[in-house]
Amino acid sequence: MSEQQEFSAPQEEYRTTQERVYYQVRDAILRGKFLPGHPVTIRGLAAELDCSPMPVREALRRLTSERALELSDTRRVTVPTMTPEKLAEICSARVALECQAAEQALPFVEPEALEQLRRLDERVTAALEEGDIQEYVTANLEFHFTLYRLGRPHIILSLIESLWLQTAPLQHLVFQRFGVQELPDRHRDLLDAIAAGDVQRVRTAIRQDIEEGLGSISAEELL
């Protein structure tokens, strides 16, 4: 991994070094710090995260089991590349799971939570207008998972996180190549549907947001 690799600061609530390392690497993947095909070394990560190789090895094992990383026949760990078929399958799975998570969260969106979502959407909109890739990635991530967590969908949420982990590197690569100014944004439709308590409109907005976002990636960009 390059020396420019960034990680979030360690959080006090992490009970062990192993847990801290896992979440820092996982967070880096979600925020697009790794690109497809990028090799990941235990020694390099251990040096950057100021820890021994053991917690790094365990973090990579967990992330490989979650399909965020890939272990080759030569025991080399890399960020997976994407195929059109795999991307289409992930898109379908995200639609199914995230529509369910949003519907499950809807009864728990109190005015304060709705206002928080609106503030996050303002950050997303500003990032799109300014072409700020990192802020867009961060704010968009926080917007979606703030909503989904309201319904406390523990099993569904872990599956959604796994799918985001698999697409984040590719999406960030596309953002670097083409920017984010032209990305579709269905958050306003979603917020209006949430405010109206309209389950079907919520599901439609989530589906369109995912399909238009992932669907904008062409087969050529997967190479």
Foldseek 3Di string as FASTA:
>chain_A
DDPPQDWDDFDPPDPDPLSRLLVRVLVSLLLQSFAAFAWDDLVVSCVVSVHDSVSVVVSLVVLVVLVLWDQDPVRTIGGHFDAPVRLVVLLVLLLVLLLVLLLLLLVQCDPVLLVVLVVLVVQLVVCLQVLPSSSNSVSVVCNSVSNSCNSVPPVSVSNNSSSSSNCSNLLSVVCVVPTRNPQDDLSVQLSVCSVVSPSVSNSVSSSCNSCSRSVVQDRVSSD
